[in-house]
Amino acid sequence: MWYVLQTITGQEEELVHMIKEVVPTHVYSDCFVAYYERVWRRQQQSIVHVERLFPGYVFIVSDNPNELYLELKRVPAMSKLISAGKFEFLPIEREEEAFFHALLTEERIVRLSYVETDGRGNIYRISGPLKQFADQVVKFQFKKRYAIIRFHMLGMEKTGTLGIILREDVRQEIAYGKVEAPITVPEQYIAEGAPAPRNNKDDASSKGNASSAITMAFDDLFVGDRVEVTSGMLESVIGVVWRVKKTTVEVGVRLFGQDMAMEVAKEDVRRL
């Protein structure tokens, strides 16, 4: 089961490090801090930050809670909290665990979700982790690039924020900014030929500054997308997706003075 440990905000990674140093590995299977990606807008530039999803909380997975509890008392940071009466070691429910499993990647990060609107605030496309939890969204903040989502944790209803990205962000180069997580930036975010971004824990002077350019690609095609054919007899032809199939799409193009549907392999088109 998954359990939650409470600690001082800003010392989550330090607690994880202590647990991995002190607690025997047979007592638990994983210990981690949950993070999420968030886009911040600075001078018309989109900057991705990796931030703690639940400041002050650490997750630990174990099938031996009693033994784990005794071992945690040996961890200096935990013993201080116990003596201060602020120690919490609480299990999360199975439904809550399933929710976090679906939301977090193997690196324990909630990736950005792509949200597209009609320009008037009406949403007609959501891709990424937010897609399966769209019915739990309380509110979108498009200018600030996040969605407020309702979920359950420790038996209580809570709200939290998840990062979103819009079409205008995808069309430009995006910079990586503050990275709270002690992780390597995912390869899909590093632009070809760009230097690997540095973690601000390794170089404090880089905090808040863009460390590399990144681009994002969303491969799902949808009806209404404007696309260009990249190979074959229709190469360079521009049209609109009329129908999406398993491996092909029907692209509506204007030929010989009339609209015609051409079936093209998905890998042979790119969205404009």
C-alpha atoms as a PDB file:
ATOM      1  CA  MET A   1       0.000   0.000   0.000  1.00  0.00           C
ATOM      2  CA  TRP A   2       0.899   3.630  -0.434  1.00  0.00           C
ATOM      3  CA  TYR A   3       1.484   5.735   2.680  1.00  0.00           C
ATOM      4  CA  VAL A   4       1.967   9.464   3.139  1.00  0.00           C
ATOM      5  CA  LEU A   5       4.624  11.032   5.353  1.00  0.00           C
ATOM      6  CA  GLN A   6       4.448  14.667   6.338  1.00  0.00           C
ATOM      7  CA  THR A   7       7.608  16.719   6.549  1.00  0.00           C
ATOM      8  CA  ILE A   8       8.755  20.334   6.351  1.00  0.00           C
ATOM      9  CA  THR A   9       8.100  21.986   3.004  1.00  0.00           C
ATOM     10  CA  GLY A  10      11.325  22.196   1.036  1.00  0.00           C
ATOM     11  CA  GLN A  11      12.871  19.176   2.772  1.00  0.00           C
ATOM     12  CA  GLU A  12      10.960  16.453   0.951  1.00  0.00           C
ATOM     13  CA  GLU A  13      13.902  15.238  -1.145  1.00  0.00           C
ATOM     14  CA  GLU A  14      16.155  15.267   1.907  1.00  0.00           C
ATOM     15  CA  LEU A  15      13.720  13.014   3.767  1.00  0.00           C
ATOM     16  CA  VAL A  16      13.599  10.583   0.839  1.00  0.00           C
ATOM     17  CA  HIS A  17      17.402  10.485   0.825  1.00  0.00           C
ATOM     18  CA  MET A  18      17.503   9.783   4.588  1.00  0.00           C
ATOM     19  CA  ILE A  19      14.947   6.985   4.313  1.00  0.00           C
ATOM     20  CA  LYS A  20      16.904   5.326   1.510  1.00  0.00           C
ATOM     21  CA  GLU A  21      20.065   5.567   3.633  1.00  0.00           C
ATOM     22  CA  VAL A  22      18.589   4.286   6.917  1.00  0.00           C
ATOM     23  CA  VAL A  23      15.551   2.076   6.253  1.00  0.00           C
ATOM     24  CA  PRO A  24      16.239  -1.483   4.969  1.00  0.00           C
ATOM     25  CA  THR A  25      15.022  -1.975   1.417  1.00  0.00           C
ATOM     26  CA  HIS A  26      13.037  -5.108   2.283  1.00  0.00           C
ATOM     27  CA  VAL A  27      10.676  -2.961   4.378  1.00  0.00           C
ATOM     28  CA  TYR A  28       9.476  -0.766   1.485  1.00  0.00           C
ATOM     29  CA  SER A  29       9.468  -0.915  -2.304  1.00  0.00           C
ATOM     30  CA  ASP A  30       9.546   2.772  -3.192  1.00  0.00           C
ATOM     31  CA  CYS A  31       9.829   6.204  -1.597  1.00  0.00           C
ATOM     32  CA  PHE A  32       9.323   9.362  -3.623  1.00  0.00           C
ATOM     33  CA  VAL A  33       8.137  12.943  -3.929  1.00  0.00           C
ATOM     34  CA  ALA A  34       5.399  13.657  -6.496  1.00  0.00           C
ATOM     35  CA  TYR A  35       6.067  16.469  -8.975  1.00  0.00           C
ATOM     36  CA  TYR A  36       4.171  18.178 -11.761  1.00  0.00           C
ATOM     37  CA  GLU A  37       5.071  20.291 -14.754  1.00  0.00           C
ATOM     38  CA  ARG A  38       3.741  23.814 -14.931  1.00  0.00           C
ATOM     39  CA  VAL A  39       4.085  26.444 -17.649  1.00  0.00           C
ATOM     40  CA  TRP A  40       4.834  29.993 -16.572  1.00  0.00           C
ATOM     41  CA  ARG A  41       4.557  32.897 -18.970  1.00  0.00           C
ATOM     42  CA  ARG A  42       7.390  35.429 -18.871  1.00  0.00           C
ATOM     43  CA  GLN A  43       7.654  38.217 -21.460  1.00  0.00           C
ATOM     44  CA  GLN A  44       5.574  36.269 -23.990  1.00  0.00           C
ATOM     45  CA  GLN A  45       7.752  33.187 -23.512  1.00  0.00           C
ATOM     46  CA  SER A  46       6.556  29.853 -22.120  1.00  0.00           C
ATOM     47  CA  ILE A  47       8.814  28.437 -19.416  1.00  0.00           C
ATOM     48  CA  VAL A  48       8.301  24.966 -17.943  1.00  0.00           C
ATOM     49  CA  HIS A  49       8.892  24.499 -14.218  1.00  0.00           C
ATOM     50  CA  VAL A  50       8.953  21.143 -12.437  1.00  0.00           C
ATOM     51  CA  GLU A  51       7.455  21.676  -8.996  1.00  0.00           C
ATOM     52  CA  ARG A  52       6.324  19.620  -6.014  1.00  0.00           C
ATOM     53  CA  LEU A  53       2.772  18.414  -6.495  1.00  0.00           C
ATOM     54  CA  PHE A  54       2.149  18.157  -2.733  1.00  0.00           C
ATOM     55  CA  PRO A  55       4.602  20.362  -0.822  1.00  0.00           C
ATOM     56  CA  GLY A  56       5.415  18.892   2.575  1.00  0.00           C
ATOM     57  CA  TYR A  57       4.467  15.307   1.687  1.00  0.00           C
ATOM     58  CA  VAL A  58       6.449  12.196   0.788  1.00  0.00           C
ATOM     59  CA  PHE A  59       4.977   8.924  -0.511  1.00  0.00           C
ATOM     60  CA  ILE A  60       6.271   5.530   0.554  1.00  0.00           C
ATOM     61  CA  VAL A  61       5.096   2.121  -0.666  1.00  0.00           C
ATOM     62  CA  SER A  62       5.177  -0.856   1.693  1.00  0.00           C
ATOM     63  CA  ASP A  63       3.449  -4.129   2.554  1.00  0.00           C
ATOM     64  CA  ASN A  64       4.949  -4.056   6.072  1.00  0.00           C
ATOM     65  CA  PRO A  65       3.540  -0.901   7.705  1.00  0.00           C
ATOM     66  CA  ASN A  66       4.265  -1.957  11.306  1.00  0.00           C
ATOM     67  CA  GLU A  67       7.918  -2.752  10.631  1.00  0.00           C
ATOM     68  CA  LEU A  68       8.223   0.331   8.451  1.00  0.00           C
ATOM     69  CA  TYR A  69       6.861   2.562  11.210  1.00  0.00           C
ATOM     70  CA  LEU A  70       9.475   1.260  13.648  1.00  0.00           C
ATOM     71  CA  GLU A  71      12.246   1.767  11.109  1.00  0.00           C
ATOM     72  CA  LEU A  72      11.086   5.314  10.331  1.00  0.00           C
ATOM     73  CA  LYS A  73      11.652   6.233  13.989  1.00  0.00           C
ATOM     74  CA  ARG A  74      15.360   5.736  13.317  1.00  0.00           C
ATOM     75  CA  VAL A  75      15.343   8.418  10.612  1.00  0.00           C
ATOM     76  CA  PRO A  76      16.559  11.718  12.171  1.00  0.00           C
ATOM     77  CA  ALA A  77      14.032  13.907  10.372  1.00  0.00           C
ATOM     78  CA  MET A  78      11.189  11.618  11.445  1.00  0.00           C
ATOM     79  CA  SER A  79      12.288  11.419  15.078  1.00  0.00           C
ATOM     80  CA  LYS A  80      12.180  15.233  15.263  1.00  0.00           C
ATOM     81  CA  LEU A  81       8.628  15.279  13.952  1.00  0.00           C
ATOM     82  CA  ILE A  82       7.604  12.501  16.336  1.00  0.00           C
ATOM     83  CA  SER A  83       8.988  14.400  19.337  1.00  0.00           C
ATOM     84  CA  ALA A  84       7.178  17.535  18.164  1.00  0.00           C
ATOM     85  CA  GLY A  85       3.916  15.626  17.778  1.00  0.00           C
ATOM     86  CA  LYS A  86       3.744  16.403  14.054  1.00  0.00           C
ATOM     87  CA  PHE A  87       4.514  12.954  12.658  1.00  0.00           C
ATOM     88  CA  GLU A  88       1.952  11.573  10.209  1.00  0.00           C
ATOM     89  CA  PHE A  89       2.137   8.135   8.661  1.00  0.00           C
ATOM     90  CA  LEU A  90      -1.170   7.615   6.877  1.00  0.00           C
ATOM     91  CA  PRO A  91      -2.335   5.072   4.286  1.00  0.00           C
ATOM     92  CA  ILE A  92      -4.142   6.258   1.183  1.00  0.00           C
ATOM     93  CA  GLU A  93      -7.162   4.347  -0.058  1.00  0.00           C
ATOM     94  CA  ARG A  94      -7.049   1.980  -3.034  1.00  0.00           C
ATOM     95  CA  GLU A  95      -9.091   4.345  -5.204  1.00  0.00           C
ATOM     96  CA  GLU A  96      -6.718   7.184  -4.370  1.00  0.00           C
ATOM     97  CA  GLU A  97      -3.721   4.968  -5.134  1.00  0.00           C
ATOM     98  CA  ALA A  98      -5.216   4.055  -8.532  1.00  0.00           C
ATOM     99  CA  PHE A  99      -5.744   7.760  -9.247  1.00  0.00           C
ATOM    100  CA  PHE A 100      -2.095   8.612  -8.538  1.00  0.00           C
ATOM    101  CA  HIS A 101      -0.894   5.568 -10.485  1.00  0.00           C
ATOM    102  CA  ALA A 102      -2.778   6.820 -13.540  1.00  0.00           C
ATOM    103  CA  LEU A 103      -1.647  10.403 -13.111  1.00  0.00           C
ATOM    104  CA  LEU A 104       2.078   9.969 -12.394  1.00  0.00           C
ATOM    105  CA  THR A 105       4.726   8.678 -14.776  1.00  0.00           C
ATOM    106  CA  GLU A 106       7.417   6.207 -13.724  1.00  0.00           C
ATOM    107  CA  GLU A 107       9.511   9.244 -12.766  1.00  0.00           C
ATOM    108  CA  ARG A 108       6.637  10.289 -10.430  1.00  0.00           C
ATOM    109  CA  ILE A 109       5.854  13.412 -12.450  1.00  0.00           C
ATOM    110  CA  VAL A 110       2.530  14.633 -13.829  1.00  0.00           C
ATOM    111  CA  ARG A 111       3.353  15.734 -17.364  1.00  0.00           C
ATOM    112  CA  LEU A 112       1.763  18.700 -19.107  1.00  0.00           C
ATOM    113  CA  SER A 113      -1.637  18.243 -20.713  1.00  0.00           C
ATOM    114  CA  TYR A 114      -2.484  19.808 -24.071  1.00  0.00           C
ATOM    115  CA  VAL A 115      -5.751  21.745 -24.090  1.00  0.00           C
ATOM    116  CA  GLU A 116      -7.200  23.294 -27.219  1.00  0.00           C
ATOM    117  CA  THR A 117     -10.118  25.711 -27.355  1.00  0.00           C
ATOM    118  CA  ASP A 118     -12.149  27.391 -30.061  1.00  0.00           C
ATOM    119  CA  GLY A 119     -10.810  30.788 -29.002  1.00  0.00           C
ATOM    120  CA  ARG A 120     -13.910  31.533 -26.941  1.00  0.00           C
ATOM    121  CA  GLY A 121     -13.060  29.323 -23.983  1.00  0.00           C
ATOM    122  CA  ASN A 122     -14.918  26.239 -25.242  1.00  0.00           C
ATOM    123  CA  ILE A 123     -12.709  23.145 -25.033  1.00  0.00           C
ATOM    124  CA  TYR A 124     -12.807  20.584 -27.808  1.00  0.00           C
ATOM    125  CA  ARG A 125      -9.566  18.675 -27.233  1.00  0.00           C
ATOM    126  CA  ILE A 126      -7.586  17.478 -24.213  1.00  0.00           C
ATOM    127  CA  SER A 127      -4.487  15.293 -24.499  1.00  0.00           C
ATOM    128  CA  GLY A 128      -2.156  14.010 -21.807  1.00  0.00           C
ATOM    129  CA  PRO A 129      -2.764  13.013 -18.173  1.00  0.00           C
ATOM    130  CA  LEU A 130      -5.707  15.392 -17.763  1.00  0.00           C
ATOM    131  CA  LYS A 131      -7.678  13.679 -20.534  1.00  0.00           C
ATOM    132  CA  GLN A 132      -9.005  10.818 -18.395  1.00  0.00           C
ATOM    133  CA  PHE A 133      -9.832  13.152 -15.507  1.00  0.00           C
ATOM    134  CA  ALA A 134     -11.556  15.900 -17.502  1.00  0.00           C
ATOM    135  CA  ASP A 135     -14.785  15.375 -15.549  1.00  0.00           C
ATOM    136  CA  GLN A 136     -12.925  16.241 -12.332  1.00  0.00           C
ATOM    137  CA  VAL A 137     -11.781  19.667 -13.534  1.00  0.00           C
ATOM    138  CA  VAL A 138     -13.211  22.478 -11.423  1.00  0.00           C
ATOM    139  CA  LYS A 139     -11.797  25.370 -13.444  1.00  0.00           C
ATOM    140  CA  PHE A 140      -9.307  26.188 -16.198  1.00  0.00           C
ATOM    141  CA  GLN A 141      -6.933  29.132 -15.888  1.00  0.00           C
ATOM    142  CA  PHE A 142      -5.761  29.494 -19.483  1.00  0.00           C
ATOM    143  CA  LYS A 143      -3.658  32.625 -18.989  1.00  0.00           C
ATOM    144  CA  LYS A 144      -1.813  31.008 -16.073  1.00  0.00           C
ATOM    145  CA  ARG A 145      -1.634  27.615 -17.831  1.00  0.00           C
ATOM    146  CA  TYR A 146      -3.167  25.334 -15.235  1.00  0.00           C
ATOM    147  CA  ALA A 147      -6.356  23.451 -14.424  1.00  0.00           C
ATOM    148  CA  ILE A 148      -7.829  23.044 -10.957  1.00  0.00           C
ATOM    149  CA  ILE A 149      -8.823  19.434 -10.425  1.00  0.00           C
ATOM    150  CA  ARG A 150     -10.874  17.803  -7.655  1.00  0.00           C
ATOM    151  CA  PHE A 151      -9.637  14.511  -6.165  1.00  0.00           C
ATOM    152  CA  HIS A 152      -9.587  12.481  -2.943  1.00  0.00           C
ATOM    153  CA  MET A 153      -6.545  12.065  -0.733  1.00  0.00           C
ATOM    154  CA  LEU A 154      -6.395  10.607   2.784  1.00  0.00           C
ATOM    155  CA  GLY A 155     -10.164  10.153   2.662  1.00  0.00           C
ATOM    156  CA  MET A 156     -10.852  13.848   2.084  1.00  0.00           C
ATOM    157  CA  GLU A 157     -11.838  15.792  -0.994  1.00  0.00           C
ATOM    158  CA  LYS A 158      -9.078  18.133  -2.097  1.00  0.00           C
ATOM    159  CA  THR A 159      -8.265  20.357  -5.053  1.00  0.00           C
ATOM    160  CA  GLY A 160      -4.931  20.738  -6.783  1.00  0.00           C
ATOM    161  CA  THR A 161      -3.433  22.217  -9.928  1.00  0.00           C
ATOM    162  CA  LEU A 162      -2.165  20.436 -13.033  1.00  0.00           C
ATOM    163  CA  GLY A 163      -0.146  22.151 -15.744  1.00  0.00           C
ATOM    164  CA  ILE A 164      -1.601  22.652 -19.199  1.00  0.00           C
ATOM    165  CA  ILE A 165      -0.148  23.862 -22.477  1.00  0.00           C
ATOM    166  CA  LEU A 166      -1.946  25.627 -25.311  1.00  0.00           C
ATOM    167  CA  ARG A 167      -1.529  25.772 -29.081  1.00  0.00           C
ATOM    168  CA  GLU A 168       0.465  29.002 -28.932  1.00  0.00           C
ATOM    169  CA  ASP A 169       2.945  27.320 -26.586  1.00  0.00           C
ATOM    170  CA  VAL A 170       3.435  24.398 -28.945  1.00  0.00           C
ATOM    171  CA  ARG A 171       4.156  26.712 -31.874  1.00  0.00           C
ATOM    172  CA  GLN A 172       7.104  28.367 -30.171  1.00  0.00           C
ATOM    173  CA  GLU A 173      10.254  27.227 -28.466  1.00  0.00           C
ATOM    174  CA  ILE A 174       9.682  26.577 -24.800  1.00  0.00           C
ATOM    175  CA  ALA A 175      12.346  27.051 -22.165  1.00  0.00           C
ATOM    176  CA  TYR A 176      13.008  24.922 -19.114  1.00  0.00           C
ATOM    177  CA  GLY A 177      13.168  27.001 -15.945  1.00  0.00           C
ATOM    178  CA  LYS A 178      13.141  26.057 -12.262  1.00  0.00           C
ATOM    179  CA  VAL A 179      13.430  22.319 -11.652  1.00  0.00           C
ATOM    180  CA  GLU A 180      12.692  21.324  -8.053  1.00  0.00           C
ATOM    181  CA  ALA A 181      12.848  17.631  -8.774  1.00  0.00           C
ATOM    182  CA  PRO A 182      16.234  15.843  -8.639  1.00  0.00           C
ATOM    183  CA  ILE A 183      15.618  14.337 -12.060  1.00  0.00           C
ATOM    184  CA  THR A 184      16.977  14.310 -15.581  1.00  0.00           C
ATOM    185  CA  VAL A 185      14.826  16.344 -17.953  1.00  0.00           C
ATOM    186  CA  PRO A 186      12.890  13.948 -20.264  1.00  0.00           C
ATOM    187  CA  GLU A 187      14.365  13.550 -23.742  1.00  0.00           C
ATOM    188  CA  GLN A 188      11.068  14.429 -25.433  1.00  0.00           C
ATOM    189  CA  TYR A 189      11.426  17.966 -24.118  1.00  0.00           C
ATOM    190  CA  ILE A 190      14.948  18.621 -25.385  1.00  0.00           C
ATOM    191  CA  ALA A 191      15.162  20.246 -28.796  1.00  0.00           C
ATOM    192  CA  GLU A 192      17.462  18.571 -31.310  1.00  0.00           C
ATOM    193  CA  GLY A 193      20.948  19.960 -30.900  1.00  0.00           C
ATOM    194  CA  ALA A 194      20.151  21.805 -27.672  1.00  0.00           C
ATOM    195  CA  PRO A 195      22.356  21.299 -24.598  1.00  0.00           C
ATOM    196  CA  ALA A 196      20.897  19.226 -21.780  1.00  0.00           C
ATOM    197  CA  PRO A 197      19.297  21.470 -19.130  1.00  0.00           C
ATOM    198  CA  ARG A 198      20.935  21.697 -15.722  1.00  0.00           C
ATOM    199  CA  ASN A 199      19.088  20.975 -12.519  1.00  0.00           C
ATOM    200  CA  ASN A 200      18.968  23.986 -10.207  1.00  0.00           C
ATOM    201  CA  LYS A 201      20.135  21.745  -7.366  1.00  0.00           C
ATOM    202  CA  ASP A 202      23.401  21.299  -9.218  1.00  0.00           C
ATOM    203  CA  ASP A 203      23.721  24.944 -10.201  1.00  0.00           C
ATOM    204  CA  ALA A 204      21.870  27.381  -7.973  1.00  0.00           C
ATOM    205  CA  SER A 205      22.681  30.259 -10.325  1.00  0.00           C
ATOM    206  CA  SER A 206      20.514  28.684 -13.019  1.00  0.00           C
ATOM    207  CA  LYS A 207      17.364  28.803 -10.884  1.00  0.00           C
ATOM    208  CA  GLY A 208      14.580  30.593 -12.697  1.00  0.00           C
ATOM    209  CA  ASN A 209      16.564  30.913 -15.915  1.00  0.00           C
ATOM    210  CA  ALA A 210      15.902  29.008 -19.107  1.00  0.00           C
ATOM    211  CA  SER A 211      18.491  26.282 -19.417  1.00  0.00           C
ATOM    212  CA  SER A 212      17.565  24.913 -22.816  1.00  0.00           C
ATOM    213  CA  ALA A 213      15.038  25.161 -25.575  1.00  0.00           C
ATOM    214  CA  ILE A 214      12.434  22.440 -25.887  1.00  0.00           C
ATOM    215  CA  THR A 215       9.684  21.622 -28.295  1.00  0.00           C
ATOM    216  CA  MET A 216       6.571  19.588 -27.695  1.00  0.00           C
ATOM    217  CA  ALA A 217       4.714  17.379 -30.146  1.00  0.00           C
ATOM    218  CA  PHE A 218       1.248  15.901 -29.723  1.00  0.00           C
ATOM    219  CA  ASP A 219       0.761  13.017 -32.107  1.00  0.00           C
ATOM    220  CA  ASP A 220      -3.023  12.558 -31.845  1.00  0.00           C
ATOM    221  CA  LEU A 221      -4.903  13.749 -34.914  1.00  0.00           C
ATOM    222  CA  PHE A 222      -8.463  14.993 -34.666  1.00  0.00           C
ATOM    223  CA  VAL A 223     -11.251  15.858 -37.042  1.00  0.00           C
ATOM    224  CA  GLY A 224     -10.794  19.453 -38.138  1.00  0.00           C
ATOM    225  CA  ASP A 225      -6.999  19.503 -37.885  1.00  0.00           C
ATOM    226  CA  ARG A 226      -5.236  21.298 -40.706  1.00  0.00           C
ATOM    227  CA  VAL A 227      -2.480  18.998 -41.971  1.00  0.00           C
ATOM    228  CA  GLU A 228       0.163  18.660 -44.660  1.00  0.00           C
ATOM    229  CA  VAL A 229       0.950  15.419 -46.470  1.00  0.00           C
ATOM    230  CA  THR A 230       4.687  14.739 -46.119  1.00  0.00           C
ATOM    231  CA  SER A 231       5.238  11.878 -48.578  1.00  0.00           C
ATOM    232  CA  GLY A 232       3.701   9.918 -51.411  1.00  0.00           C
ATOM    233  CA  MET A 233       1.738  11.150 -54.432  1.00  0.00           C
ATOM    234  CA  LEU A 234       0.046  13.870 -52.355  1.00  0.00           C
ATOM    235  CA  GLU A 235       3.268  15.217 -50.854  1.00  0.00           C
ATOM    236  CA  SER A 236       3.031  18.909 -49.862  1.00  0.00           C
ATOM    237  CA  VAL A 237      -0.758  18.925 -50.274  1.00  0.00           C
ATOM    238  CA  ILE A 238      -2.512  20.758 -47.437  1.00  0.00           C
ATOM    239  CA  GLY A 239      -5.965  19.750 -46.245  1.00  0.00           C
ATOM    240  CA  VAL A 240      -8.267  19.186 -43.296  1.00  0.00           C
ATOM    241  CA  VAL A 241      -8.809  15.911 -41.425  1.00  0.00           C
ATOM    242  CA  TRP A 242     -12.312  14.624 -42.096  1.00  0.00           C
ATOM    243  CA  ARG A 243     -12.082  11.233 -40.419  1.00  0.00           C
ATOM    244  CA  VAL A 244      -9.554   9.444 -38.196  1.00  0.00           C
ATOM    245  CA  LYS A 245      -9.089   5.686 -38.470  1.00  0.00           C
ATOM    246  CA  LYS A 246      -6.744   3.266 -36.724  1.00  0.00           C
ATOM    247  CA  THR A 247      -3.735   3.719 -39.002  1.00  0.00           C
ATOM    248  CA  THR A 248      -4.982   6.213 -41.606  1.00  0.00           C
ATOM    249  CA  VAL A 249      -6.817   9.505 -41.853  1.00  0.00           C
ATOM    250  CA  GLU A 250      -9.165  10.888 -44.483  1.00  0.00           C
ATOM    251  CA  VAL A 251      -7.911  14.304 -45.517  1.00  0.00           C
ATOM    252  CA  GLY A 252     -10.240  16.687 -47.279  1.00  0.00           C
ATOM    253  CA  VAL A 253      -8.401  18.503 -50.061  1.00  0.00           C
ATOM    254  CA  ARG A 254      -9.415  20.845 -52.866  1.00  0.00           C
ATOM    255  CA  LEU A 255      -8.643  19.245 -56.212  1.00  0.00           C
ATOM    256  CA  PHE A 256      -9.981  20.036 -59.691  1.00  0.00           C
ATOM    257  CA  GLY A 257     -12.333  22.636 -58.245  1.00  0.00           C
ATOM    258  CA  GLN A 258     -14.046  20.352 -55.752  1.00  0.00           C
ATOM    259  CA  ASP A 259     -13.528  18.978 -52.246  1.00  0.00           C
ATOM    260  CA  MET A 260     -12.273  15.397 -52.207  1.00  0.00           C
ATOM    261  CA  ALA A 261     -11.343  12.957 -49.434  1.00  0.00           C
ATOM    262  CA  MET A 262      -7.959  11.246 -49.690  1.00  0.00           C
ATOM    263  CA  GLU A 263      -6.980   8.410 -47.342  1.00  0.00           C
ATOM    264  CA  VAL A 264      -3.413   8.814 -46.095  1.00  0.00           C
ATOM    265  CA  ALA A 265      -1.311   6.888 -43.581  1.00  0.00           C
ATOM    266  CA  LYS A 266      -1.038   8.718 -40.259  1.00  0.00           C
ATOM    267  CA  GLU A 267       2.753   8.740 -40.421  1.00  0.00           C
ATOM    268  CA  ASP A 268       2.565  10.562 -43.769  1.00  0.00           C
ATOM    269  CA  VAL A 269       0.851  13.687 -42.417  1.00  0.00           C
ATOM    270  CA  ARG A 270       1.850  16.393 -40.000  1.00  0.00           C
ATOM    271  CA  ARG A 271      -0.401  18.811 -38.202  1.00  0.00           C
ATOM    272  CA  LEU A 272       0.073  22.485 -39.044  1.00  0.00           C
END
